[in-house]
Amino acid sequence: MNGSDNENEKKTEVYVPSPLEVDGQLISHNVWVEGHRTSVRLEAVMWKALNEISGRESLNVHQLITLIARRRHPNASLTATVRAFLVAYYRAIVMLRDEGKLTDENMSLIEILERAMFRA
């Protein structure tokens, strides 16, 4: 990304719902993917999950959605791919935890994504 893209990412604030906000209301936000602005419409709880994962992975939401978009199937929408990623991410964490293989020190987004892809 060039300098202006980074400036845009810093200026775009993403709504962060309260932890118990699960009413299903759809919220649209503009996000930056590969230097291009696009709109994503998700439930408040999905935005909360994206923010939690972003923080855990030391990324901003735009960077995380860019990583997700790179794995998108050609026939899938970005929004559907984001939802599928969120489920796969948390499923992978649960599976790894149940297997005793999950510690905060040794798990990265890439490892979780790879394991989620092969264990779906």
PDB file of N, CA and C in Angstrom:
ATOM      1  N   MET A   1       0.830  -1.188   0.000  1.00  0.00           N
ATOM      2  CA  MET A   1       0.000   0.000   0.000  1.00  0.00           C
ATOM      3  C   MET A   1       0.866   1.240   0.000  1.00  0.00           C
ATOM      4  N   ASN A   2       0.360   2.280  -0.577  1.00  0.00           N
ATOM      5  CA  ASN A   2       1.139   3.509  -0.576  1.00  0.00           C
ATOM      6  C   ASN A   2       0.766   4.362   0.626  1.00  0.00           C
ATOM      7  N   GLY A   3       1.452   5.455   0.795  1.00  0.00           N
ATOM      8  CA  GLY A   3       1.246   6.317   1.948  1.00  0.00           C
ATOM      9  C   GLY A   3      -0.171   6.820   2.106  1.00  0.00           C
ATOM     10  N   SER A   4      -0.838   7.167   0.996  1.00  0.00           N
ATOM     11  CA  SER A   4      -2.197   7.690   1.109  1.00  0.00           C
ATOM     12  C   SER A   4      -3.165   6.615   1.572  1.00  0.00           C
ATOM     13  N   ASP A   5      -2.933   5.357   1.202  1.00  0.00           N
ATOM     14  CA  ASP A   5      -3.785   4.277   1.668  1.00  0.00           C
ATOM     15  C   ASP A   5      -3.661   4.123   3.179  1.00  0.00           C
ATOM     16  N   ASN A   6      -2.450   4.203   3.692  1.00  0.00           N
ATOM     17  CA  ASN A   6      -2.249   4.095   5.128  1.00  0.00           C
ATOM     18  C   ASN A   6      -2.935   5.241   5.857  1.00  0.00           C
ATOM     19  N   GLU A   7      -2.899   6.441   5.278  1.00  0.00           N
ATOM     20  CA  GLU A   7      -3.577   7.580   5.892  1.00  0.00           C
ATOM     21  C   GLU A   7      -5.079   7.338   5.933  1.00  0.00           C
ATOM     22  N   ASN A   8      -5.653   6.802   4.854  1.00  0.00           N
ATOM     23  CA  ASN A   8      -7.079   6.508   4.825  1.00  0.00           C
ATOM     24  C   ASN A   8      -7.451   5.466   5.868  1.00  0.00           C
ATOM     25  N   GLU A   9      -6.613   4.440   6.023  1.00  0.00           N
ATOM     26  CA  GLU A   9      -6.880   3.412   7.015  1.00  0.00           C
ATOM     27  C   GLU A   9      -6.931   4.005   8.418  1.00  0.00           C
ATOM     28  N   LYS A  10      -6.054   4.926   8.710  1.00  0.00           N
ATOM     29  CA  LYS A  10      -6.003   5.518  10.033  1.00  0.00           C
ATOM     30  C   LYS A  10      -7.234   6.384  10.305  1.00  0.00           C
ATOM     31  N   LYS A  11      -7.790   7.003   9.268  1.00  0.00           N
ATOM     32  CA  LYS A  11      -8.923   7.909   9.427  1.00  0.00           C
ATOM     33  C   LYS A  11     -10.258   7.177   9.535  1.00  0.00           C
ATOM     34  N   THR A  12     -10.357   5.951   9.001  1.00  0.00           N
ATOM     35  CA  THR A  12     -11.614   5.227   8.979  1.00  0.00           C
ATOM     36  C   THR A  12     -11.818   4.518  10.306  1.00  0.00           C
ATOM     37  N   GLU A  13     -12.834   4.920  11.033  1.00  0.00           N
ATOM     38  CA  GLU A  13     -13.128   4.293  12.311  1.00  0.00           C
ATOM     39  C   GLU A  13     -14.194   3.233  12.094  1.00  0.00           C
ATOM     40  N   VAL A  14     -13.998   2.092  12.692  1.00  0.00           N
ATOM     41  CA  VAL A  14     -14.946   1.000  12.580  1.00  0.00           C
ATOM     42  C   VAL A  14     -15.733   0.913  13.874  1.00  0.00           C
ATOM     43  N   TYR A  15     -17.050   0.794  13.748  1.00  0.00           N
ATOM     44  CA  TYR A  15     -17.939   0.694  14.895  1.00  0.00           C
ATOM     45  C   TYR A  15     -17.573  -0.498  15.763  1.00  0.00           C
ATOM     46  N   VAL A  16     -17.455  -0.280  17.051  1.00  0.00           N
ATOM     47  CA  VAL A  16     -17.164  -1.352  17.993  1.00  0.00           C
ATOM     48  C   VAL A  16     -18.364  -1.470  18.937  1.00  0.00           C
ATOM     49  N   PRO A  17     -19.162  -2.536  18.789  1.00  0.00           N
ATOM     50  CA  PRO A  17     -20.353  -2.687  19.630  1.00  0.00           C
ATOM     51  C   PRO A  17     -19.997  -3.133  21.044  1.00  0.00           C
ATOM     52  N   SER A  18     -20.957  -3.033  21.922  1.00  0.00           N
ATOM     53  CA  SER A  18     -20.751  -3.550  23.273  1.00  0.00           C
ATOM     54  C   SER A  18     -20.664  -5.075  23.205  1.00  0.00           C
ATOM     55  N   PRO A  19     -20.039  -5.714  24.201  1.00  0.00           N
ATOM     56  CA  PRO A  19     -19.841  -7.162  24.158  1.00  0.00           C
ATOM     57  C   PRO A  19     -21.130  -7.978  24.048  1.00  0.00           C
ATOM     58  N   LEU A  20     -22.233  -7.468  24.522  1.00  0.00           N
ATOM     59  CA  LEU A  20     -23.482  -8.225  24.521  1.00  0.00           C
ATOM     60  C   LEU A  20     -24.427  -7.840  23.394  1.00  0.00           C
ATOM     61  N   GLU A  21     -23.962  -7.057  22.454  1.00  0.00           N
ATOM     62  CA  GLU A  21     -24.811  -6.577  21.370  1.00  0.00           C
ATOM     63  C   GLU A  21     -24.908  -7.645  20.278  1.00  0.00           C
ATOM     64  N   VAL A  22     -26.002  -8.416  20.310  1.00  0.00           N
ATOM     65  CA  VAL A  22     -26.182  -9.498  19.342  1.00  0.00           C
ATOM     66  C   VAL A  22     -27.586  -9.447  18.723  1.00  0.00           C
ATOM     67  N   ASP A  23     -28.067  -8.274  18.426  1.00  0.00           N
ATOM     68  CA  ASP A  23     -29.437  -8.131  17.943  1.00  0.00           C
ATOM     69  C   ASP A  23     -29.605  -8.401  16.448  1.00  0.00           C
ATOM     70  N   GLY A  24     -28.538  -8.649  15.728  1.00  0.00           N
ATOM     71  CA  GLY A  24     -28.639  -8.952  14.302  1.00  0.00           C
ATOM     72  C   GLY A  24     -28.715  -7.742  13.395  1.00  0.00           C
ATOM     73  N   GLN A  25     -28.674  -6.554  13.959  1.00  0.00           N
ATOM     74  CA  GLN A  25     -28.718  -5.343  13.138  1.00  0.00           C
ATOM     75  C   GLN A  25     -27.475  -5.283  12.258  1.00  0.00           C
ATOM     76  N   LEU A  26     -27.683  -5.009  10.973  1.00  0.00           N
ATOM     77  CA  LEU A  26     -26.565  -4.908  10.038  1.00  0.00           C
ATOM     78  C   LEU A  26     -25.986  -3.505  10.063  1.00  0.00           C
ATOM     79  N   ILE A  27     -24.673  -3.450  10.081  1.00  0.00           N
ATOM     80  CA  ILE A  27     -23.955  -2.179  10.116  1.00  0.00           C
ATOM     81  C   ILE A  27     -22.966  -2.178   8.958  1.00  0.00           C
ATOM     82  N   SER A  28     -23.007  -1.132   8.137  1.00  0.00           N
ATOM     83  CA  SER A  28     -22.090  -1.021   7.001  1.00  0.00           C
ATOM     84  C   SER A  28     -20.911  -0.135   7.361  1.00  0.00           C
ATOM     85  N   HIS A  29     -19.745  -0.549   6.902  1.00  0.00           N
ATOM     86  CA  HIS A  29     -18.537   0.251   7.060  1.00  0.00           C
ATOM     87  C   HIS A  29     -17.741   0.201   5.777  1.00  0.00           C
ATOM     88  N   ASN A  30     -17.091   1.292   5.470  1.00  0.00           N
ATOM     89  CA  ASN A  30     -16.117   1.285   4.387  1.00  0.00           C
ATOM     90  C   ASN A  30     -14.813   0.738   4.947  1.00  0.00           C
ATOM     91  N   VAL A  31     -14.208  -0.162   4.190  1.00  0.00           N
ATOM     92  CA  VAL A  31     -12.914  -0.719   4.575  1.00  0.00           C
ATOM     93  C   VAL A  31     -11.993  -0.642   3.373  1.00  0.00           C
ATOM     94  N   TRP A  32     -10.704  -0.718   3.643  1.00  0.00           N
ATOM     95  CA  TRP A  32      -9.694  -0.675   2.588  1.00  0.00           C
ATOM     96  C   TRP A  32      -9.131  -2.068   2.369  1.00  0.00           C
ATOM     97  N   VAL A  33      -9.234  -2.554   1.125  1.00  0.00           N
ATOM     98  CA  VAL A  33      -8.731  -3.869   0.750  1.00  0.00           C
ATOM     99  C   VAL A  33      -7.795  -3.679  -0.439  1.00  0.00           C
ATOM    100  N   GLU A  34      -6.535  -4.031  -0.248  1.00  0.00           N
ATOM    101  CA  GLU A  34      -5.542  -3.889  -1.325  1.00  0.00           C
ATOM    102  C   GLU A  34      -5.527  -2.464  -1.886  1.00  0.00           C
ATOM    103  N   GLY A  35      -5.705  -1.479  -1.015  1.00  0.00           N
ATOM    104  CA  GLY A  35      -5.656  -0.088  -1.429  1.00  0.00           C
ATOM    105  C   GLY A  35      -6.938   0.449  -2.047  1.00  0.00           C
ATOM    106  N   HIS A  36      -7.999  -0.368  -2.062  1.00  0.00           N
ATOM    107  CA  HIS A  36      -9.279   0.052  -2.640  1.00  0.00           C
ATOM    108  C   HIS A  36     -10.343   0.075  -1.542  1.00  0.00           C
ATOM    109  N   ARG A  37     -11.147   1.141  -1.560  1.00  0.00           N
ATOM    110  CA  ARG A  37     -12.220   1.238  -0.580  1.00  0.00           C
ATOM    111  C   ARG A  37     -13.411   0.408  -1.040  1.00  0.00           C
ATOM    112  N   THR A  38     -13.982  -0.346  -0.114  1.00  0.00           N
ATOM    113  CA  THR A  38     -15.182  -1.118  -0.391  1.00  0.00           C
ATOM    114  C   THR A  38     -16.049  -1.102   0.855  1.00  0.00           C
ATOM    115  N   SER A  39     -17.282  -1.512   0.709  1.00  0.00           N
ATOM    116  CA  SER A  39     -18.208  -1.516   1.828  1.00  0.00           C
ATOM    117  C   SER A  39     -18.478  -2.952   2.266  1.00  0.00           C
ATOM    118  N   VAL A  40     -18.516  -3.147   3.577  1.00  0.00           N
ATOM    119  CA  VAL A  40     -18.845  -4.445   4.154  1.00  0.00           C
ATOM    120  C   VAL A  40     -19.994  -4.225   5.125  1.00  0.00           C
ATOM    121  N   ARG A  41     -21.005  -5.076   5.011  1.00  0.00           N
ATOM    122  CA  ARG A  41     -22.188  -4.964   5.866  1.00  0.00           C
ATOM    123  C   ARG A  41     -22.295  -6.229   6.713  1.00  0.00           C
ATOM    124  N   LEU A  42     -22.105  -6.061   8.023  1.00  0.00           N
ATOM    125  CA  LEU A  42     -22.097  -7.188   8.955  1.00  0.00           C
ATOM    126  C   LEU A  42     -22.906  -6.849  10.208  1.00  0.00           C
ATOM    127  N   GLU A  43     -23.281  -7.874  10.930  1.00  0.00           N
ATOM    128  CA  GLU A  43     -23.936  -7.705  12.216  1.00  0.00           C
ATOM    129  C   GLU A  43     -22.933  -7.126  13.210  1.00  0.00           C
ATOM    130  N   ALA A  44     -23.456  -6.453  14.224  1.00  0.00           N
ATOM    131  CA  ALA A  44     -22.592  -5.823  15.236  1.00  0.00           C
ATOM    132  C   ALA A  44     -21.665  -6.839  15.879  1.00  0.00           C
ATOM    133  N   VAL A  45     -22.159  -8.034  16.174  1.00  0.00           N
ATOM    134  CA  VAL A  45     -21.324  -9.048  16.809  1.00  0.00           C
ATOM    135  C   VAL A  45     -20.183  -9.477  15.886  1.00  0.00           C
ATOM    136  N   MET A  46     -20.394  -9.438  14.574  1.00  0.00           N
ATOM    137  CA  MET A  46     -19.332  -9.779  13.624  1.00  0.00           C
ATOM    138  C   MET A  46     -18.251  -8.700  13.625  1.00  0.00           C
ATOM    139  N   TRP A  47     -18.659  -7.432  13.686  1.00  0.00           N
ATOM    140  CA  TRP A  47     -17.675  -6.347  13.778  1.00  0.00           C
ATOM    141  C   TRP A  47     -16.869  -6.486  15.073  1.00  0.00           C
ATOM    142  N   LYS A  48     -17.554  -6.855  16.154  1.00  0.00           N
ATOM    143  CA  LYS A  48     -16.861  -7.050  17.431  1.00  0.00           C
ATOM    144  C   LYS A  48     -15.821  -8.154  17.290  1.00  0.00           C
ATOM    145  N   ALA A  49     -16.191  -9.268  16.664  1.00  0.00           N
ATOM    146  CA  ALA A  49     -15.261 -10.381  16.467  1.00  0.00           C
ATOM    147  C   ALA A  49     -14.071  -9.948  15.616  1.00  0.00           C
ATOM    148  N   LEU A  50     -14.322  -9.194  14.543  1.00  0.00           N
ATOM    149  CA  LEU A  50     -13.222  -8.700  13.702  1.00  0.00           C
ATOM    150  C   LEU A  50     -12.267  -7.827  14.508  1.00  0.00           C
ATOM    151  N   ASN A  51     -12.809  -6.970  15.357  1.00  0.00           N
ATOM    152  CA  ASN A  51     -11.968  -6.119  16.197  1.00  0.00           C
ATOM    153  C   ASN A  51     -11.168  -6.937  17.197  1.00  0.00           C
ATOM    154  N   GLU A  52     -11.780  -7.965  17.779  1.00  0.00           N
ATOM    155  CA  GLU A  52     -11.059  -8.819  18.726  1.00  0.00           C
ATOM    156  C   GLU A  52      -9.919  -9.569  18.038  1.00  0.00           C
ATOM    157  N   ILE A  53     -10.211 -10.139  16.872  1.00  0.00           N
ATOM    158  CA  ILE A  53      -9.184 -10.879  16.138  1.00  0.00           C
ATOM    159  C   ILE A  53      -8.083  -9.935  15.691  1.00  0.00           C
ATOM    160  N   SER A  54      -8.452  -8.763  15.205  1.00  0.00           N
ATOM    161  CA  SER A  54      -7.450  -7.777  14.794  1.00  0.00           C
ATOM    162  C   SER A  54      -6.507  -7.454  15.937  1.00  0.00           C
ATOM    163  N   GLY A  55      -7.060  -7.217  17.108  1.00  0.00           N
ATOM    164  CA  GLY A  55      -6.228  -6.920  18.271  1.00  0.00           C
ATOM    165  C   GLY A  55      -5.332  -8.078  18.642  1.00  0.00           C
ATOM    166  N   ARG A  56      -5.878  -9.273  18.613  1.00  0.00           N
ATOM    167  CA  ARG A  56      -5.097 -10.474  18.952  1.00  0.00           C
ATOM    168  C   ARG A  56      -3.943 -10.676  17.988  1.00  0.00           C
ATOM    169  N   GLU A  57      -4.164 -10.312  16.745  1.00  0.00           N
ATOM    170  CA  GLU A  57      -3.169 -10.544  15.694  1.00  0.00           C
ATOM    171  C   GLU A  57      -2.309  -9.314  15.389  1.00  0.00           C
ATOM    172  N   SER A  58      -2.469  -8.255  16.159  1.00  0.00           N
ATOM    173  CA  SER A  58      -1.712  -7.009  15.972  1.00  0.00           C
ATOM    174  C   SER A  58      -1.885  -6.447  14.561  1.00  0.00           C
ATOM    175  N   LEU A  59      -3.117  -6.456  14.089  1.00  0.00           N
ATOM    176  CA  LEU A  59      -3.489  -5.895  12.786  1.00  0.00           C
ATOM    177  C   LEU A  59      -4.602  -4.896  13.000  1.00  0.00           C
ATOM    178  N   ASN A  60      -4.825  -4.032  12.004  1.00  0.00           N
ATOM    179  CA  ASN A  60      -6.053  -3.247  12.055  1.00  0.00           C
ATOM    180  C   ASN A  60      -7.114  -4.000  11.248  1.00  0.00           C
ATOM    181  N   VAL A  61      -8.355  -3.579  11.330  1.00  0.00           N
ATOM    182  CA  VAL A  61      -9.452  -4.276  10.652  1.00  0.00           C
ATOM    183  C   VAL A  61      -9.226  -4.310   9.142  1.00  0.00           C
ATOM    184  N   HIS A  62      -8.690  -3.252   8.578  1.00  0.00           N
ATOM    185  CA  HIS A  62      -8.448  -3.190   7.135  1.00  0.00           C
ATOM    186  C   HIS A  62      -7.426  -4.247   6.710  1.00  0.00           C
ATOM    187  N   GLN A  63      -6.377  -4.394   7.487  1.00  0.00           N
ATOM    188  CA  GLN A  63      -5.359  -5.407   7.182  1.00  0.00           C
ATOM    189  C   GLN A  63      -5.935  -6.816   7.290  1.00  0.00           C
ATOM    190  N   LEU A  64      -6.733  -7.051   8.327  1.00  0.00           N
ATOM    191  CA  LEU A  64      -7.339  -8.361   8.505  1.00  0.00           C
ATOM    192  C   LEU A  64      -8.292  -8.684   7.358  1.00  0.00           C
ATOM    193  N   ILE A  65      -9.137  -7.732   6.984  1.00  0.00           N
ATOM    194  CA  ILE A  65     -10.072  -7.983   5.884  1.00  0.00           C
ATOM    195  C   ILE A  65      -9.309  -8.175   4.575  1.00  0.00           C
ATOM    196  N   THR A  66      -8.200  -7.503   4.390  1.00  0.00           N
ATOM    197  CA  THR A  66      -7.372  -7.733   3.198  1.00  0.00           C
ATOM    198  C   THR A  66      -6.858  -9.168   3.181  1.00  0.00           C
ATOM    199  N   LEU A  67      -6.386  -9.675   4.323  1.00  0.00           N
ATOM    200  CA  LEU A  67      -5.938 -11.069   4.388  1.00  0.00           C
ATOM    201  C   LEU A  67      -7.083 -12.025   4.067  1.00  0.00           C
ATOM    202  N   ILE A  68      -8.248 -11.731   4.597  1.00  0.00           N
ATOM    203  CA  ILE A  68      -9.422 -12.569   4.336  1.00  0.00           C
ATOM    204  C   ILE A  68      -9.771 -12.518   2.852  1.00  0.00           C
ATOM    205  N   ALA A  69      -9.769 -11.318   2.276  1.00  0.00           N
ATOM    206  CA  ALA A  69     -10.147 -11.151   0.867  1.00  0.00           C
ATOM    207  C   ALA A  69      -9.219 -11.932  -0.062  1.00  0.00           C
ATOM    208  N   ARG A  70      -7.974 -12.052   0.302  1.00  0.00           N
ATOM    209  CA  ARG A  70      -7.014 -12.800  -0.534  1.00  0.00           C
ATOM    210  C   ARG A  70      -7.365 -14.284  -0.620  1.00  0.00           C
ATOM    211  N   ARG A  71      -8.126 -14.786   0.332  1.00  0.00           N
ATOM    212  CA  ARG A  71      -8.522 -16.196   0.349  1.00  0.00           C
ATOM    213  C   ARG A  71      -9.936 -16.401  -0.195  1.00  0.00           C
ATOM    214  N   ARG A  72     -10.535 -15.364  -0.686  1.00  0.00           N
ATOM    215  CA  ARG A  72     -11.926 -15.433  -1.154  1.00  0.00           C
ATOM    216  C   ARG A  72     -12.057 -16.262  -2.419  1.00  0.00           C
ATOM    217  N   HIS A  73     -13.076 -17.100  -2.452  1.00  0.00           N
ATOM    218  CA  HIS A  73     -13.413 -17.863  -3.647  1.00  0.00           C
ATOM    219  C   HIS A  73     -13.980 -16.885  -4.674  1.00  0.00           C
ATOM    220  N   PRO A  74     -13.698 -17.081  -5.970  1.00  0.00           N
ATOM    221  CA  PRO A  74     -14.174 -16.139  -6.991  1.00  0.00           C
ATOM    222  C   PRO A  74     -15.693 -15.941  -7.019  1.00  0.00           C
ATOM    223  N   ASN A  75     -16.444 -16.943  -6.580  1.00  0.00           N
ATOM    224  CA  ASN A  75     -17.908 -16.830  -6.602  1.00  0.00           C
ATOM    225  C   ASN A  75     -18.503 -16.333  -5.292  1.00  0.00           C
ATOM    226  N   ALA A  76     -17.671 -16.041  -4.308  1.00  0.00           N
ATOM    227  CA  ALA A  76     -18.161 -15.632  -2.994  1.00  0.00           C
ATOM    228  C   ALA A  76     -18.049 -14.122  -2.819  1.00  0.00           C
ATOM    229  N   SER A  77     -18.994 -13.570  -2.089  1.00  0.00           N
ATOM    230  CA  SER A  77     -18.916 -12.146  -1.762  1.00  0.00           C
ATOM    231  C   SER A  77     -17.906 -11.949  -0.640  1.00  0.00           C
ATOM    232  N   LEU A  78     -17.404 -10.735  -0.522  1.00  0.00           N
ATOM    233  CA  LEU A  78     -16.471 -10.427   0.552  1.00  0.00           C
ATOM    234  C   LEU A  78     -17.148 -10.604   1.908  1.00  0.00           C
ATOM    235  N   THR A  79     -18.388 -10.154   2.021  1.00  0.00           N
ATOM    236  CA  THR A  79     -19.107 -10.272   3.288  1.00  0.00           C
ATOM    237  C   THR A  79     -19.270 -11.733   3.697  1.00  0.00           C
ATOM    238  N   ALA A  80     -19.643 -12.589   2.763  1.00  0.00           N
ATOM    239  CA  ALA A  80     -19.787 -14.020   3.068  1.00  0.00           C
ATOM    240  C   ALA A  80     -18.445 -14.623   3.464  1.00  0.00           C
ATOM    241  N   THR A  81     -17.381 -14.205   2.804  1.00  0.00           N
ATOM    242  CA  THR A  81     -16.052 -14.718   3.121  1.00  0.00           C
ATOM    243  C   THR A  81     -15.616 -14.274   4.512  1.00  0.00           C
ATOM    244  N   VAL A  82     -15.936 -13.050   4.887  1.00  0.00           N
ATOM    245  CA  VAL A  82     -15.610 -12.566   6.234  1.00  0.00           C
ATOM    246  C   VAL A  82     -16.355 -13.395   7.277  1.00  0.00           C
ATOM    247  N   ARG A  83     -17.637 -13.633   7.060  1.00  0.00           N
ATOM    248  CA  ARG A  83     -18.408 -14.441   8.016  1.00  0.00           C
ATOM    249  C   ARG A  83     -17.835 -15.852   8.131  1.00  0.00           C
ATOM    250  N   ALA A  84     -17.510 -16.461   6.987  1.00  0.00           N
ATOM    251  CA  ALA A  84     -16.942 -17.812   7.000  1.00  0.00           C
ATOM    252  C   ALA A  84     -15.596 -17.826   7.734  1.00  0.00           C
ATOM    253  N   PHE A  85     -14.784 -16.796   7.505  1.00  0.00           N
ATOM    254  CA  PHE A  85     -13.500 -16.692   8.199  1.00  0.00           C
ATOM    255  C   PHE A  85     -13.701 -16.642   9.707  1.00  0.00           C
ATOM    256  N   LEU A  86     -14.644 -15.822  10.161  1.00  0.00           N
ATOM    257  CA  LEU A  86     -14.866 -15.681  11.597  1.00  0.00           C
ATOM    258  C   LEU A  86     -15.228 -17.024  12.226  1.00  0.00           C
ATOM    259  N   VAL A  87     -16.107 -17.759  11.576  1.00  0.00           N
ATOM    260  CA  VAL A  87     -16.479 -19.078  12.099  1.00  0.00           C
ATOM    261  C   VAL A  87     -15.266 -20.007  12.091  1.00  0.00           C
ATOM    262  N   ALA A  88     -14.531 -20.039  10.976  1.00  0.00           N
ATOM    263  CA  ALA A  88     -13.361 -20.921  10.873  1.00  0.00           C
ATOM    264  C   ALA A  88     -12.303 -20.562  11.910  1.00  0.00           C
ATOM    265  N   TYR A  89     -12.088 -19.272  12.122  1.00  0.00           N
ATOM    266  CA  TYR A  89     -11.073 -18.821  13.087  1.00  0.00           C
ATOM    267  C   TYR A  89     -11.407 -19.318  14.488  1.00  0.00           C
ATOM    268  N   TYR A  90     -12.652 -19.070  14.916  1.00  0.00           N
ATOM    269  CA  TYR A  90     -13.023 -19.476  16.267  1.00  0.00           C
ATOM    270  C   TYR A  90     -13.135 -20.998  16.391  1.00  0.00           C
ATOM    271  N   ARG A  91     -13.563 -21.695  15.333  1.00  0.00           N
ATOM    272  CA  ARG A  91     -13.574 -23.165  15.355  1.00  0.00           C
ATOM    273  C   ARG A  91     -12.156 -23.694  15.512  1.00  0.00           C
ATOM    274  N   ALA A  92     -11.211 -23.103  14.787  1.00  0.00           N
ATOM    275  CA  ALA A  92      -9.817 -23.550  14.878  1.00  0.00           C
ATOM    276  C   ALA A  92      -9.279 -23.339  16.282  1.00  0.00           C
ATOM    277  N   ILE A  93      -9.601 -22.230  16.902  1.00  0.00           N
ATOM    278  CA  ILE A  93      -9.151 -21.974  18.271  1.00  0.00           C
ATOM    279  C   ILE A  93      -9.710 -23.027  19.219  1.00  0.00           C
ATOM    280  N   VAL A  94     -10.993 -23.347  19.081  1.00  0.00           N
ATOM    281  CA  VAL A  94     -11.607 -24.345  19.957  1.00  0.00           C
ATOM    282  C   VAL A  94     -10.968 -25.712  19.739  1.00  0.00           C
ATOM    283  N   MET A  95     -10.785 -26.097  18.477  1.00  0.00           N
ATOM    284  CA  MET A  95     -10.175 -27.402  18.189  1.00  0.00           C
ATOM    285  C   MET A  95      -8.757 -27.491  18.740  1.00  0.00           C
ATOM    286  N   LEU A  96      -7.975 -26.451  18.521  1.00  0.00           N
ATOM    287  CA  LEU A  96      -6.598 -26.451  19.007  1.00  0.00           C
ATOM    288  C   LEU A  96      -6.550 -26.448  20.533  1.00  0.00           C
ATOM    289  N   ARG A  97      -7.468 -25.710  21.136  1.00  0.00           N
ATOM    290  CA  ARG A  97      -7.525 -25.699  22.605  1.00  0.00           C
ATOM    291  C   ARG A  97      -7.880 -27.086  23.124  1.00  0.00           C
ATOM    292  N   ASP A  98      -8.872 -27.727  22.492  1.00  0.00           N
ATOM    293  CA  ASP A  98      -9.284 -29.061  22.918  1.00  0.00           C
ATOM    294  C   ASP A  98      -8.168 -30.086  22.750  1.00  0.00           C
ATOM    295  N   GLU A  99      -7.300 -29.875  21.774  1.00  0.00           N
ATOM    296  CA  GLU A  99      -6.166 -30.774  21.544  1.00  0.00           C
ATOM    297  C   GLU A  99      -4.959 -30.408  22.418  1.00  0.00           C
ATOM    298  N   GLY A 100      -5.084 -29.348  23.192  1.00  0.00           N
ATOM    299  CA  GLY A 100      -3.988 -28.913  24.051  1.00  0.00           C
ATOM    300  C   GLY A 100      -2.847 -28.255  23.297  1.00  0.00           C
ATOM    301  N   LYS A 101      -3.111 -27.782  22.093  1.00  0.00           N
ATOM    302  CA  LYS A 101      -2.060 -27.202  21.250  1.00  0.00           C
ATOM    303  C   LYS A 101      -2.117 -25.681  21.177  1.00  0.00           C
ATOM    304  N   LEU A 102      -2.986 -25.056  21.923  1.00  0.00           N
ATOM    305  CA  LEU A 102      -3.157 -23.612  21.813  1.00  0.00           C
ATOM    306  C   LEU A 102      -2.568 -22.907  23.025  1.00  0.00           C
ATOM    307  N   THR A 103      -1.592 -22.046  22.759  1.00  0.00           N
ATOM    308  CA  THR A 103      -1.094 -21.136  23.776  1.00  0.00           C
ATOM    309  C   THR A 103      -0.942 -19.784  23.112  1.00  0.00           C
ATOM    310  N   ASP A 104      -1.078 -18.742  23.880  1.00  0.00           N
ATOM    311  CA  ASP A 104      -0.980 -17.397  23.319  1.00  0.00           C
ATOM    312  C   ASP A 104       0.372 -17.138  22.681  1.00  0.00           C
ATOM    313  N   GLU A 105       1.415 -17.782  23.175  1.00  0.00           N
ATOM    314  CA  GLU A 105       2.749 -17.499  22.663  1.00  0.00           C
ATOM    315  C   GLU A 105       3.002 -18.119  21.295  1.00  0.00           C
ATOM    316  N   ASN A 106       2.352 -19.252  20.984  1.00  0.00           N
ATOM    317  CA  ASN A 106       2.773 -19.968  19.791  1.00  0.00           C
ATOM    318  C   ASN A 106       1.770 -19.971  18.644  1.00  0.00           C
ATOM    319  N   MET A 107       0.655 -19.306  18.763  1.00  0.00           N
ATOM    320  CA  MET A 107      -0.323 -19.341  17.683  1.00  0.00           C
ATOM    321  C   MET A 107      -0.382 -18.005  16.943  1.00  0.00           C
ATOM    322  N   SER A 108      -0.359 -18.088  15.638  1.00  0.00           N
ATOM    323  CA  SER A 108      -0.483 -16.899  14.805  1.00  0.00           C
ATOM    324  C   SER A 108      -1.700 -17.048  13.914  1.00  0.00           C
ATOM    325  N   LEU A 109      -2.088 -15.962  13.300  1.00  0.00           N
ATOM    326  CA  LEU A 109      -3.213 -15.961  12.377  1.00  0.00           C
ATOM    327  C   LEU A 109      -2.987 -16.955  11.260  1.00  0.00           C
ATOM    328  N   ILE A 110      -1.793 -16.997  10.705  1.00  0.00           N
ATOM    329  CA  ILE A 110      -1.506 -17.890   9.585  1.00  0.00           C
ATOM    330  C   ILE A 110      -1.696 -19.337  10.010  1.00  0.00           C
ATOM    331  N   GLU A 111      -1.188 -19.701  11.175  1.00  0.00           N
ATOM    332  CA  GLU A 111      -1.362 -21.078  11.656  1.00  0.00           C
ATOM    333  C   GLU A 111      -2.833 -21.412  11.849  1.00  0.00           C
ATOM    334  N   ILE A 112      -3.576 -20.504  12.442  1.00  0.00           N
ATOM    335  CA  ILE A 112      -4.997 -20.749  12.665  1.00  0.00           C
ATOM    336  C   ILE A 112      -5.730 -20.869  11.330  1.00  0.00           C
ATOM    337  N   LEU A 113      -5.417 -19.989  10.378  1.00  0.00           N
ATOM    338  CA  LEU A 113      -6.060 -20.061   9.065  1.00  0.00           C
ATOM    339  C   LEU A 113      -5.736 -21.381   8.366  1.00  0.00           C
ATOM    340  N   GLU A 114      -4.488 -21.779   8.380  1.00  0.00           N
ATOM    341  CA  GLU A 114      -4.092 -23.022   7.718  1.00  0.00           C
ATOM    342  C   GLU A 114      -4.792 -24.210   8.357  1.00  0.00           C
ATOM    343  N   ARG A 115      -4.823 -24.263   9.663  1.00  0.00           N
ATOM    344  CA  ARG A 115      -5.493 -25.369  10.339  1.00  0.00           C
ATOM    345  C   ARG A 115      -6.991 -25.342  10.076  1.00  0.00           C
ATOM    346  N   ALA A 116      -7.588 -24.156  10.028  1.00  0.00           N
ATOM    347  CA  ALA A 116      -9.025 -24.053   9.760  1.00  0.00           C
ATOM    348  C   ALA A 116      -9.329 -24.537   8.344  1.00  0.00           C
ATOM    349  N   MET A 117      -8.463 -24.243   7.405  1.00  0.00           N
ATOM    350  CA  MET A 117      -8.692 -24.651   6.013  1.00  0.00           C
ATOM    351  C   MET A 117      -8.674 -26.172   5.884  1.00  0.00           C
ATOM    352  N   PHE A 118      -7.811 -26.835   6.605  1.00  0.00           N
ATOM    353  CA  PHE A 118      -7.656 -28.272   6.445  1.00  0.00           C
ATOM    354  C   PHE A 118      -8.497 -29.089   7.404  1.00  0.00           C
ATOM    355  N   ARG A 119      -9.127 -28.438   8.381  1.00  0.00           N
ATOM    356  CA  ARG A 119      -9.921 -29.176   9.377  1.00  0.00           C
ATOM    357  C   ARG A 119     -11.395 -28.872   9.265  1.00  0.00           C
ATOM    358  N   ALA A 120     -11.811 -28.117   8.257  1.00  0.00           N
ATOM    359  CA  ALA A 120     -13.205 -27.644   8.149  1.00  0.00           C
ATOM    360  C   ALA A 120     -14.212 -28.759   8.112  1.00  0.00           C
TER     361      ALA A 120
END
